[in-house]
Amino acid sequence: MKRQDIEASITCFPICDYAFIQIKDIPFKEEVRHICRTECPRYGKSWSCPPAVGTVEECRSRCEAYEGGFLFTTMTEVSDMENMEELLSTRKEHEELTRRIKDLFIKQHQELLVLSTESCALCEDCTWPDAPCRFPQRMLPCMEGYGILVTGLAERCGITFLNGNNLVTWFSLILYREALEEPGTGKS
């Protein structure tokens, strides 16, 4: 991957902060999954969230199969941080930006795992657990659902996440690796 090409390409996007990371720096914590299980109304209702994504150890193992990562944030202002409906309505722009940045990495022939904020909201009613995901290539699993302590990762990377009253910071993480060759074909 050509880091300088990615950095040159993202200048036209409203990214607030970013860092290229090493996979070993991602803090996985079972406690984060506990919060999903006890506090999130989407737990057990989406392919992008636990338990559908697997155990924290399975998620860690999946992430460790990648060579590196790109963590980035966007920010948006809301009139009231306590208004969850307004707060979540700002997420759609971040998710679309995440997909556009994903395309930059795909152009460099990378295999990717893209994680983002909250639970996937592509479909009004998720098919989990009765049928396969309708849009597996567009779904963005939740970083916290993977057991990632996002604030800990941000601190390790020097990324600010408490940006003042009424400012929402959204995170995404793109994990990448060179495309693996198919056995015996010489093709990736």
N, C-alpha and C. Protein backbone atom coordinates (compact mmCIF):
# COMPACT_ATOMS: atom_id res chain seq x y z
N MET A 1 0.83 -1.18 0.00
CA MET A 1 0.00 0.00 0.00
C MET A 1 0.88 1.24 0.00
N LYS A 2 0.50 2.18 -0.78
CA LYS A 2 1.24 3.43 -0.83
C LYS A 2 0.57 4.46 0.07
N ARG A 3 1.13 4.59 1.25
CA ARG A 3 0.57 5.49 2.26
C ARG A 3 0.44 6.90 1.73
N GLN A 4 1.45 7.38 1.01
CA GLN A 4 1.41 8.77 0.51
C GLN A 4 0.27 8.96 -0.49
N ASP A 5 -0.09 7.91 -1.24
CA ASP A 5 -1.22 8.02 -2.17
C ASP A 5 -2.53 8.17 -1.40
N ILE A 6 -2.68 7.40 -0.33
CA ILE A 6 -3.88 7.51 0.50
C ILE A 6 -3.95 8.90 1.13
N GLU A 7 -2.83 9.35 1.69
CA GLU A 7 -2.82 10.67 2.34
C GLU A 7 -3.14 11.78 1.34
N ALA A 8 -2.65 11.67 0.13
CA ALA A 8 -2.95 12.69 -0.88
C ALA A 8 -4.43 12.64 -1.28
N SER A 9 -4.99 11.44 -1.34
CA SER A 9 -6.38 11.28 -1.77
C SER A 9 -7.39 11.73 -0.73
N ILE A 10 -7.07 11.60 0.55
CA ILE A 10 -8.05 11.93 1.59
C ILE A 10 -8.15 13.43 1.86
N THR A 11 -7.27 14.21 1.27
CA THR A 11 -7.31 15.66 1.54
C THR A 11 -8.62 16.30 1.09
N CYS A 12 -9.32 15.67 0.16
CA CYS A 12 -10.58 16.25 -0.32
C CYS A 12 -11.78 15.81 0.52
N PHE A 13 -11.55 15.00 1.54
CA PHE A 13 -12.64 14.52 2.39
C PHE A 13 -12.65 15.26 3.73
N PRO A 14 -13.82 15.39 4.35
CA PRO A 14 -13.91 16.08 5.64
C PRO A 14 -13.48 15.22 6.82
N ILE A 15 -12.26 14.72 6.76
CA ILE A 15 -11.71 13.92 7.86
C ILE A 15 -11.08 14.89 8.87
N CYS A 16 -11.39 14.67 10.13
CA CYS A 16 -10.82 15.53 11.17
C CYS A 16 -9.43 15.08 11.59
N ASP A 17 -9.28 13.79 11.76
CA ASP A 17 -8.02 13.26 12.24
C ASP A 17 -7.87 11.84 11.71
N TYR A 18 -6.63 11.39 11.57
CA TYR A 18 -6.40 10.02 11.12
C TYR A 18 -5.05 9.55 11.59
N ALA A 19 -4.89 8.23 11.57
CA ALA A 19 -3.60 7.62 11.90
C ALA A 19 -3.52 6.26 11.22
N PHE A 20 -2.34 5.95 10.72
CA PHE A 20 -2.05 4.59 10.28
C PHE A 20 -1.61 3.85 11.53
N ILE A 21 -2.15 2.68 11.74
CA ILE A 21 -1.89 1.96 12.98
C ILE A 21 -1.32 0.57 12.71
N GLN A 22 -0.72 0.03 13.74
CA GLN A 22 -0.28 -1.36 13.72
C GLN A 22 -1.37 -2.19 14.40
N ILE A 23 -1.63 -3.36 13.89
CA ILE A 23 -2.68 -4.21 14.43
C ILE A 23 -2.45 -4.51 15.91
N LYS A 24 -1.20 -4.68 16.31
CA LYS A 24 -0.89 -4.99 17.71
C LYS A 24 -1.31 -3.87 18.67
N ASP A 25 -1.56 -2.67 18.15
CA ASP A 25 -1.95 -1.55 18.99
C ASP A 25 -3.45 -1.47 19.26
N ILE A 26 -4.22 -2.35 18.64
CA ILE A 26 -5.68 -2.32 18.84
C ILE A 26 -6.01 -2.99 20.17
N PRO A 27 -6.63 -2.23 21.10
CA PRO A 27 -6.99 -2.83 22.39
C PRO A 27 -8.35 -3.53 22.33
N PHE A 28 -8.34 -4.83 22.49
CA PHE A 28 -9.57 -5.61 22.55
C PHE A 28 -9.90 -5.84 24.01
N LYS A 29 -11.14 -5.61 24.38
CA LYS A 29 -11.56 -5.78 25.77
C LYS A 29 -12.92 -6.46 25.83
N GLU A 30 -12.99 -7.51 26.60
CA GLU A 30 -14.27 -8.20 26.80
C GLU A 30 -15.29 -7.25 27.43
N GLU A 31 -14.81 -6.28 28.23
CA GLU A 31 -15.70 -5.33 28.90
C GLU A 31 -16.50 -4.50 27.89
N VAL A 32 -15.90 -4.23 26.74
CA VAL A 32 -16.61 -3.47 25.70
C VAL A 32 -17.80 -4.29 25.21
N ARG A 33 -17.59 -5.57 25.03
CA ARG A 33 -18.67 -6.46 24.59
C ARG A 33 -19.76 -6.53 25.65
N HIS A 34 -19.38 -6.47 26.92
CA HIS A 34 -20.36 -6.47 28.01
C HIS A 34 -21.29 -5.26 27.88
N ILE A 35 -20.73 -4.12 27.52
CA ILE A 35 -21.55 -2.92 27.33
C ILE A 35 -22.53 -3.14 26.18
N CYS A 36 -22.05 -3.75 25.08
CA CYS A 36 -22.95 -4.08 23.96
C CYS A 36 -24.11 -4.93 24.46
N ARG A 37 -23.77 -5.97 25.20
CA ARG A 37 -24.76 -6.95 25.64
C ARG A 37 -25.78 -6.35 26.61
N THR A 38 -25.33 -5.44 27.47
CA THR A 38 -26.22 -4.94 28.52
C THR A 38 -26.86 -3.59 28.23
N GLU A 39 -26.25 -2.80 27.30
CA GLU A 39 -26.76 -1.45 27.10
C GLU A 39 -27.24 -1.13 25.68
N CYS A 40 -26.84 -1.93 24.70
CA CYS A 40 -27.19 -1.58 23.32
C CYS A 40 -28.46 -2.30 22.88
N PRO A 41 -29.43 -1.55 22.40
CA PRO A 41 -30.67 -2.18 21.94
C PRO A 41 -30.50 -2.99 20.65
N ARG A 42 -29.36 -2.87 19.97
CA ARG A 42 -29.11 -3.60 18.72
C ARG A 42 -28.40 -4.94 18.96
N TYR A 43 -28.00 -5.21 20.19
CA TYR A 43 -27.33 -6.49 20.48
C TYR A 43 -28.25 -7.64 20.09
N GLY A 44 -27.71 -8.57 19.30
CA GLY A 44 -28.48 -9.73 18.89
C GLY A 44 -29.52 -9.45 17.83
N LYS A 45 -29.40 -8.31 17.15
CA LYS A 45 -30.41 -7.94 16.15
C LYS A 45 -29.83 -7.59 14.80
N SER A 46 -28.51 -7.78 14.61
CA SER A 46 -27.87 -7.34 13.37
C SER A 46 -26.66 -8.21 13.06
N TRP A 47 -26.43 -8.41 11.78
CA TRP A 47 -25.23 -9.12 11.33
C TRP A 47 -23.96 -8.35 11.68
N SER A 48 -24.07 -7.06 11.91
CA SER A 48 -22.89 -6.23 12.17
C SER A 48 -22.51 -6.16 13.64
N CYS A 49 -23.28 -6.82 14.48
CA CYS A 49 -23.08 -6.72 15.93
C CYS A 49 -22.97 -8.11 16.55
N PRO A 50 -22.55 -8.14 17.82
CA PRO A 50 -22.53 -9.42 18.51
C PRO A 50 -23.97 -9.90 18.74
N PRO A 51 -24.18 -11.17 18.84
CA PRO A 51 -23.21 -12.24 18.74
C PRO A 51 -22.87 -12.65 17.30
N ALA A 52 -23.51 -12.05 16.30
CA ALA A 52 -23.31 -12.45 14.90
C ALA A 52 -21.87 -12.31 14.44
N VAL A 53 -21.11 -11.34 14.97
CA VAL A 53 -19.73 -11.14 14.53
C VAL A 53 -18.75 -12.13 15.17
N GLY A 54 -19.22 -12.92 16.13
CA GLY A 54 -18.35 -13.87 16.80
C GLY A 54 -17.90 -13.35 18.15
N THR A 55 -17.11 -14.16 18.83
CA THR A 55 -16.59 -13.76 20.14
C THR A 55 -15.53 -12.67 19.97
N VAL A 56 -15.17 -12.03 21.05
CA VAL A 56 -14.11 -11.02 21.00
C VAL A 56 -12.82 -11.68 20.52
N GLU A 57 -12.54 -12.89 20.98
CA GLU A 57 -11.31 -13.57 20.55
C GLU A 57 -11.36 -13.89 19.05
N GLU A 58 -12.51 -14.28 18.53
CA GLU A 58 -12.65 -14.52 17.09
C GLU A 58 -12.46 -13.23 16.30
N CYS A 59 -13.00 -12.14 16.82
CA CYS A 59 -12.84 -10.83 16.16
C CYS A 59 -11.38 -10.40 16.19
N ARG A 60 -10.71 -10.60 17.31
CA ARG A 60 -9.29 -10.26 17.42
C ARG A 60 -8.49 -11.07 16.39
N SER A 61 -8.76 -12.34 16.31
CA SER A 61 -8.06 -13.21 15.38
C SER A 61 -8.30 -12.76 13.93
N ARG A 62 -9.52 -12.40 13.62
CA ARG A 62 -9.85 -11.90 12.28
C ARG A 62 -9.04 -10.63 11.98
N CYS A 63 -8.97 -9.73 12.94
CA CYS A 63 -8.22 -8.48 12.75
C CYS A 63 -6.72 -8.73 12.61
N GLU A 64 -6.20 -9.68 13.38
CA GLU A 64 -4.77 -9.97 13.34
C GLU A 64 -4.31 -10.57 12.02
N ALA A 65 -5.23 -10.96 11.16
CA ALA A 65 -4.88 -11.48 9.84
C ALA A 65 -4.52 -10.35 8.87
N TYR A 66 -4.67 -9.11 9.30
CA TYR A 66 -4.36 -7.96 8.44
C TYR A 66 -3.01 -7.38 8.80
N GLU A 67 -2.43 -6.63 7.86
CA GLU A 67 -1.08 -6.07 8.02
C GLU A 67 -1.07 -4.74 8.75
N GLY A 68 -2.08 -3.94 8.54
CA GLY A 68 -2.10 -2.61 9.14
C GLY A 68 -3.49 -2.04 9.14
N GLY A 69 -3.60 -0.84 9.68
CA GLY A 69 -4.91 -0.22 9.76
C GLY A 69 -4.85 1.28 9.55
N PHE A 70 -6.00 1.82 9.23
CA PHE A 70 -6.17 3.25 9.04
C PHE A 70 -7.39 3.67 9.85
N LEU A 71 -7.16 4.43 10.91
CA LEU A 71 -8.20 4.92 11.80
C LEU A 71 -8.46 6.37 11.45
N PHE A 72 -9.74 6.74 11.31
CA PHE A 72 -10.03 8.15 11.02
C PHE A 72 -11.33 8.58 11.70
N THR A 73 -11.46 9.90 11.83
CA THR A 73 -12.64 10.47 12.47
C THR A 73 -13.26 11.55 11.59
N THR A 74 -14.54 11.74 11.82
CA THR A 74 -15.24 12.91 11.32
C THR A 74 -15.97 13.51 12.52
N MET A 75 -16.34 14.76 12.39
CA MET A 75 -17.09 15.41 13.46
C MET A 75 -18.30 16.11 12.86
N THR A 76 -19.33 16.17 13.67
CA THR A 76 -20.51 16.92 13.28
C THR A 76 -21.10 17.56 14.53
N GLU A 77 -21.78 18.66 14.32
CA GLU A 77 -22.38 19.38 15.44
C GLU A 77 -23.86 19.04 15.52
N VAL A 78 -24.34 18.85 16.73
CA VAL A 78 -25.76 18.64 16.98
C VAL A 78 -26.23 19.70 17.98
N SER A 79 -27.52 19.93 18.01
CA SER A 79 -28.03 20.94 18.93
C SER A 79 -28.11 20.44 20.37
N ASP A 80 -28.24 19.10 20.53
CA ASP A 80 -28.38 18.54 21.86
C ASP A 80 -27.80 17.13 21.89
N MET A 81 -26.71 16.92 22.60
CA MET A 81 -26.06 15.61 22.68
C MET A 81 -26.95 14.56 23.33
N GLU A 82 -27.94 14.98 24.08
CA GLU A 82 -28.86 14.04 24.73
C GLU A 82 -29.95 13.55 23.78
N ASN A 83 -30.10 14.21 22.64
CA ASN A 83 -31.11 13.83 21.65
C ASN A 83 -30.53 12.73 20.76
N MET A 84 -30.77 11.47 21.14
CA MET A 84 -30.17 10.33 20.45
C MET A 84 -30.61 10.26 18.99
N GLU A 85 -31.84 10.63 18.71
CA GLU A 85 -32.32 10.60 17.33
C GLU A 85 -31.52 11.57 16.45
N GLU A 86 -31.32 12.78 16.94
CA GLU A 86 -30.54 13.76 16.19
C GLU A 86 -29.09 13.30 16.06
N LEU A 87 -28.53 12.81 17.15
CA LEU A 87 -27.14 12.35 17.15
C LEU A 87 -26.94 11.24 16.11
N LEU A 88 -27.80 10.23 16.13
CA LEU A 88 -27.66 9.11 15.20
C LEU A 88 -27.95 9.50 13.75
N SER A 89 -28.74 10.54 13.56
CA SER A 89 -29.04 10.97 12.19
C SER A 89 -27.79 11.53 11.49
N THR A 90 -26.79 11.91 12.24
CA THR A 90 -25.56 12.45 11.64
C THR A 90 -24.60 11.34 11.22
N ARG A 91 -24.88 10.13 11.61
CA ARG A 91 -23.99 9.02 11.33
C ARG A 91 -23.96 8.65 9.86
N LYS A 92 -25.06 8.81 9.15
CA LYS A 92 -25.16 8.39 7.75
C LYS A 92 -24.06 9.01 6.89
N GLU A 93 -23.77 10.28 7.08
CA GLU A 93 -22.72 10.96 6.32
C GLU A 93 -21.36 10.31 6.59
N HIS A 94 -21.11 9.98 7.84
CA HIS A 94 -19.84 9.34 8.18
C HIS A 94 -19.74 7.96 7.52
N GLU A 95 -20.81 7.22 7.54
CA GLU A 95 -20.81 5.88 6.94
C GLU A 95 -20.57 5.95 5.43
N GLU A 96 -21.17 6.92 4.76
CA GLU A 96 -20.94 7.07 3.31
C GLU A 96 -19.49 7.48 3.04
N LEU A 97 -18.95 8.34 3.86
CA LEU A 97 -17.55 8.72 3.72
C LEU A 97 -16.65 7.50 3.94
N THR A 98 -16.99 6.67 4.90
CA THR A 98 -16.22 5.45 5.16
C THR A 98 -16.20 4.57 3.91
N ARG A 99 -17.32 4.44 3.25
CA ARG A 99 -17.37 3.63 2.03
C ARG A 99 -16.51 4.25 0.92
N ARG A 100 -16.48 5.56 0.83
CA ARG A 100 -15.66 6.22 -0.19
C ARG A 100 -14.17 6.03 0.09
N ILE A 101 -13.79 6.10 1.36
CA ILE A 101 -12.39 5.89 1.72
C ILE A 101 -12.02 4.41 1.52
N LYS A 102 -12.95 3.54 1.81
CA LYS A 102 -12.75 2.11 1.53
C LYS A 102 -12.38 1.92 0.06
N ASP A 103 -13.06 2.64 -0.83
CA ASP A 103 -12.79 2.54 -2.27
C ASP A 103 -11.36 2.95 -2.60
N LEU A 104 -10.79 3.91 -1.87
CA LEU A 104 -9.39 4.30 -2.09
C LEU A 104 -8.46 3.13 -1.80
N PHE A 105 -8.75 2.41 -0.74
CA PHE A 105 -7.92 1.26 -0.38
C PHE A 105 -8.12 0.11 -1.37
N ILE A 106 -9.34 -0.08 -1.83
CA ILE A 106 -9.61 -1.14 -2.80
C ILE A 106 -8.81 -0.90 -4.09
N LYS A 107 -8.69 0.35 -4.49
CA LYS A 107 -7.93 0.68 -5.71
C LYS A 107 -6.48 0.22 -5.61
N GLN A 108 -6.00 0.06 -4.41
CA GLN A 108 -4.62 -0.40 -4.22
C GLN A 108 -4.57 -1.91 -4.03
N HIS A 109 -5.64 -2.59 -4.44
CA HIS A 109 -5.71 -4.06 -4.43
C HIS A 109 -5.48 -4.66 -3.05
N GLN A 110 -6.12 -4.07 -2.10
CA GLN A 110 -6.00 -4.57 -0.73
C GLN A 110 -7.20 -5.44 -0.39
N GLU A 111 -6.98 -6.41 0.47
CA GLU A 111 -8.09 -7.09 1.11
C GLU A 111 -8.39 -6.29 2.36
N LEU A 112 -9.66 -6.04 2.62
CA LEU A 112 -10.03 -5.11 3.67
C LEU A 112 -11.02 -5.71 4.65
N LEU A 113 -10.96 -5.19 5.84
CA LEU A 113 -12.00 -5.35 6.84
C LEU A 113 -12.30 -3.93 7.31
N VAL A 114 -13.52 -3.48 7.10
CA VAL A 114 -13.89 -2.11 7.44
C VAL A 114 -14.87 -2.14 8.60
N LEU A 115 -14.50 -1.46 9.67
CA LEU A 115 -15.31 -1.37 10.88
C LEU A 115 -15.69 0.09 11.09
N SER A 116 -16.89 0.31 11.61
CA SER A 116 -17.31 1.69 11.78
C SER A 116 -18.08 1.86 13.08
N THR A 117 -18.96 2.82 13.08
CA THR A 117 -19.67 3.23 14.29
C THR A 117 -21.02 2.56 14.40
N GLU A 118 -21.39 2.27 15.60
CA GLU A 118 -22.72 1.76 15.88
C GLU A 118 -23.06 0.52 15.08
N SER A 119 -24.30 0.17 15.08
CA SER A 119 -24.79 -1.00 14.36
C SER A 119 -25.14 -0.60 12.93
N CYS A 120 -24.98 -1.52 12.01
CA CYS A 120 -25.33 -1.27 10.61
C CYS A 120 -26.78 -0.81 10.52
N ALA A 121 -27.05 0.15 9.67
CA ALA A 121 -28.41 0.66 9.52
C ALA A 121 -28.85 0.67 8.05
N LEU A 122 -28.25 -0.19 7.23
CA LEU A 122 -28.63 -0.24 5.82
C LEU A 122 -30.08 -0.67 5.63
N CYS A 123 -30.48 -1.67 6.37
CA CYS A 123 -31.84 -2.22 6.23
C CYS A 123 -32.68 -1.84 7.44
N GLU A 124 -33.93 -1.56 7.19
CA GLU A 124 -34.82 -1.25 8.31
C GLU A 124 -34.94 -2.45 9.24
N ASP A 125 -35.05 -3.64 8.65
CA ASP A 125 -35.10 -4.88 9.41
C ASP A 125 -33.99 -5.80 8.94
N CYS A 126 -33.04 -6.06 9.80
CA CYS A 126 -31.93 -6.96 9.48
C CYS A 126 -32.44 -8.40 9.39
N THR A 127 -31.83 -9.18 8.54
CA THR A 127 -32.23 -10.57 8.34
C THR A 127 -31.68 -11.50 9.43
N TRP A 128 -30.78 -10.99 10.28
CA TRP A 128 -30.17 -11.84 11.30
C TRP A 128 -31.22 -12.36 12.26
N PRO A 129 -31.20 -13.59 12.66
CA PRO A 129 -30.34 -14.70 12.29
C PRO A 129 -30.96 -15.64 11.25
N ASP A 130 -32.09 -15.23 10.68
CA ASP A 130 -32.88 -16.14 9.84
C ASP A 130 -32.42 -16.29 8.40
N ALA A 131 -31.69 -15.32 7.89
CA ALA A 131 -31.25 -15.35 6.49
C ALA A 131 -29.93 -14.60 6.37
N PRO A 132 -29.18 -14.85 5.29
CA PRO A 132 -27.91 -14.13 5.11
C PRO A 132 -28.13 -12.61 4.98
N CYS A 133 -27.07 -11.88 5.27
CA CYS A 133 -27.10 -10.42 5.10
C CYS A 133 -27.41 -10.08 3.65
N ARG A 134 -28.29 -9.11 3.44
CA ARG A 134 -28.65 -8.68 2.09
C ARG A 134 -27.52 -7.94 1.38
N PHE A 135 -26.70 -7.23 2.14
CA PHE A 135 -25.66 -6.39 1.57
C PHE A 135 -24.31 -6.59 2.27
N PRO A 136 -23.75 -7.79 2.23
CA PRO A 136 -22.51 -8.04 2.98
C PRO A 136 -21.35 -7.15 2.54
N GLN A 137 -21.32 -6.69 1.31
CA GLN A 137 -20.21 -5.84 0.84
C GLN A 137 -20.39 -4.39 1.29
N ARG A 138 -21.59 -4.02 1.68
CA ARG A 138 -21.83 -2.64 2.14
C ARG A 138 -21.92 -2.54 3.66
N MET A 139 -22.18 -3.67 4.32
CA MET A 139 -22.32 -3.66 5.77
C MET A 139 -20.99 -3.28 6.43
N LEU A 140 -21.06 -2.45 7.43
CA LEU A 140 -19.89 -2.05 8.19
C LEU A 140 -20.08 -2.50 9.64
N PRO A 141 -19.41 -3.59 10.03
CA PRO A 141 -19.54 -4.02 11.42
C PRO A 141 -19.07 -2.93 12.39
N CYS A 142 -19.57 -3.02 13.59
CA CYS A 142 -19.30 -2.03 14.63
C CYS A 142 -17.96 -2.31 15.31
N MET A 143 -17.14 -1.27 15.47
CA MET A 143 -15.84 -1.42 16.14
C MET A 143 -16.03 -1.96 17.57
N GLU A 144 -16.95 -1.37 18.30
CA GLU A 144 -17.18 -1.81 19.67
C GLU A 144 -17.72 -3.24 19.70
N GLY A 145 -18.53 -3.60 18.71
CA GLY A 145 -19.05 -4.95 18.62
C GLY A 145 -17.93 -5.97 18.47
N TYR A 146 -16.82 -5.55 17.90
CA TYR A 146 -15.64 -6.41 17.79
C TYR A 146 -14.85 -6.47 19.10
N GLY A 147 -15.29 -5.69 20.09
CA GLY A 147 -14.59 -5.66 21.37
C GLY A 147 -13.46 -4.65 21.40
N ILE A 148 -13.42 -3.75 20.44
CA ILE A 148 -12.34 -2.75 20.37
C ILE A 148 -12.67 -1.58 21.29
N LEU A 149 -11.73 -1.25 22.15
CA LEU A 149 -11.86 -0.08 23.01
C LEU A 149 -11.44 1.13 22.17
N VAL A 150 -12.40 1.77 21.56
CA VAL A 150 -12.13 2.83 20.59
C VAL A 150 -11.40 4.00 21.23
N THR A 151 -11.80 4.40 22.42
CA THR A 151 -11.13 5.52 23.08
C THR A 151 -9.67 5.17 23.39
N GLY A 152 -9.41 3.93 23.76
CA GLY A 152 -8.04 3.50 24.01
C GLY A 152 -7.19 3.53 22.76
N LEU A 153 -7.76 3.09 21.64
CA LEU A 153 -7.05 3.13 20.36
C LEU A 153 -6.79 4.58 19.95
N ALA A 154 -7.79 5.43 20.13
CA ALA A 154 -7.62 6.84 19.79
C ALA A 154 -6.50 7.47 20.61
N GLU A 155 -6.47 7.19 21.89
CA GLU A 155 -5.42 7.74 22.76
C GLU A 155 -4.04 7.26 22.31
N ARG A 156 -3.91 5.98 21.96
CA ARG A 156 -2.63 5.44 21.50
C ARG A 156 -2.16 6.12 20.22
N CYS A 157 -3.13 6.57 19.41
CA CYS A 157 -2.79 7.18 18.12
C CYS A 157 -2.73 8.70 18.20
N GLY A 158 -3.03 9.28 19.35
CA GLY A 158 -3.02 10.73 19.48
C GLY A 158 -4.22 11.40 18.82
N ILE A 159 -5.33 10.67 18.71
CA ILE A 159 -6.54 11.22 18.09
C ILE A 159 -7.47 11.71 19.18
N THR A 160 -7.89 12.96 19.06
CA THR A 160 -8.79 13.57 20.02
C THR A 160 -10.21 13.09 19.76
N PHE A 161 -10.91 12.76 20.84
CA PHE A 161 -12.30 12.31 20.66
C PHE A 161 -13.28 13.08 21.53
N LEU A 162 -12.81 13.84 22.49
CA LEU A 162 -13.68 14.72 23.27
C LEU A 162 -13.44 16.13 22.76
N ASN A 163 -14.31 16.55 21.86
CA ASN A 163 -14.07 17.80 21.15
C ASN A 163 -14.99 18.94 21.55
N GLY A 164 -15.63 18.82 22.67
CA GLY A 164 -16.45 19.92 23.15
C GLY A 164 -17.93 19.60 23.10
N ASN A 165 -18.69 20.53 23.67
CA ASN A 165 -20.15 20.37 23.73
C ASN A 165 -20.75 20.31 22.35
N ASN A 166 -21.67 19.40 22.20
CA ASN A 166 -22.47 19.26 20.98
C ASN A 166 -21.69 18.88 19.74
N LEU A 167 -20.47 18.39 19.91
CA LEU A 167 -19.69 17.88 18.78
C LEU A 167 -19.58 16.37 18.89
N VAL A 168 -20.06 15.69 17.88
CA VAL A 168 -20.03 14.23 17.84
C VAL A 168 -18.81 13.81 17.02
N THR A 169 -18.02 12.91 17.56
CA THR A 169 -16.87 12.36 16.85
C THR A 169 -17.21 10.94 16.43
N TRP A 170 -17.17 10.67 15.12
CA TRP A 170 -17.42 9.34 14.58
C TRP A 170 -16.09 8.73 14.15
N PHE A 171 -15.94 7.44 14.39
CA PHE A 171 -14.71 6.71 14.07
C PHE A 171 -14.98 5.63 13.04
N SER A 172 -13.98 5.36 12.22
CA SER A 172 -13.96 4.17 11.36
C SER A 172 -12.54 3.63 11.35
N LEU A 173 -12.44 2.33 11.11
CA LEU A 173 -11.16 1.64 11.06
C LEU A 173 -11.14 0.74 9.84
N ILE A 174 -10.16 0.96 8.98
CA ILE A 174 -9.99 0.13 7.79
C ILE A 174 -8.73 -0.70 8.00
N LEU A 175 -8.90 -2.02 8.06
CA LEU A 175 -7.77 -2.93 8.16
C LEU A 175 -7.47 -3.44 6.77
N TYR A 176 -6.19 -3.56 6.43
CA TYR A 176 -5.82 -3.92 5.06
C TYR A 176 -4.66 -4.91 5.04
N ARG A 177 -4.59 -5.62 3.92
CA ARG A 177 -3.46 -6.50 3.63
C ARG A 177 -3.40 -6.68 2.12
N GLU A 178 -2.24 -7.05 1.66
CA GLU A 178 -2.10 -7.35 0.24
C GLU A 178 -3.01 -8.53 -0.09
N ALA A 179 -3.57 -8.52 -1.27
CA ALA A 179 -4.44 -9.62 -1.69
C ALA A 179 -3.65 -10.93 -1.65
N LEU A 180 -4.27 -11.93 -1.09
CA LEU A 180 -3.64 -13.24 -1.00
C LEU A 180 -3.82 -13.98 -2.33
N GLU A 181 -2.80 -14.70 -2.75
CA GLU A 181 -2.89 -15.47 -3.99
C GLU A 181 -3.76 -16.70 -3.77
N GLU A 182 -4.54 -17.03 -4.81
CA GLU A 182 -5.29 -18.28 -4.78
C GLU A 182 -4.30 -19.42 -5.01
N PRO A 183 -4.38 -20.47 -4.20
CA PRO A 183 -3.40 -21.57 -4.32
C PRO A 183 -3.34 -22.13 -5.74
N GLY A 184 -2.11 -22.22 -6.26
CA GLY A 184 -1.86 -22.84 -7.55
C GLY A 184 -2.22 -22.03 -8.78
N THR A 185 -2.69 -20.77 -8.59
CA THR A 185 -3.11 -19.99 -9.75
C THR A 185 -2.17 -18.84 -10.06
N GLY A 186 -1.45 -18.38 -9.07
CA GLY A 186 -0.64 -17.19 -9.26
C GLY A 186 -1.48 -15.93 -9.35
N LYS A 187 -2.80 -16.05 -9.06
CA LYS A 187 -3.72 -14.90 -9.11
C LYS A 187 -4.13 -14.54 -7.70
N SER A 188 -4.46 -13.28 -7.56
CA SER A 188 -4.99 -12.87 -6.26
C SER A 188 -6.45 -12.54 -6.40
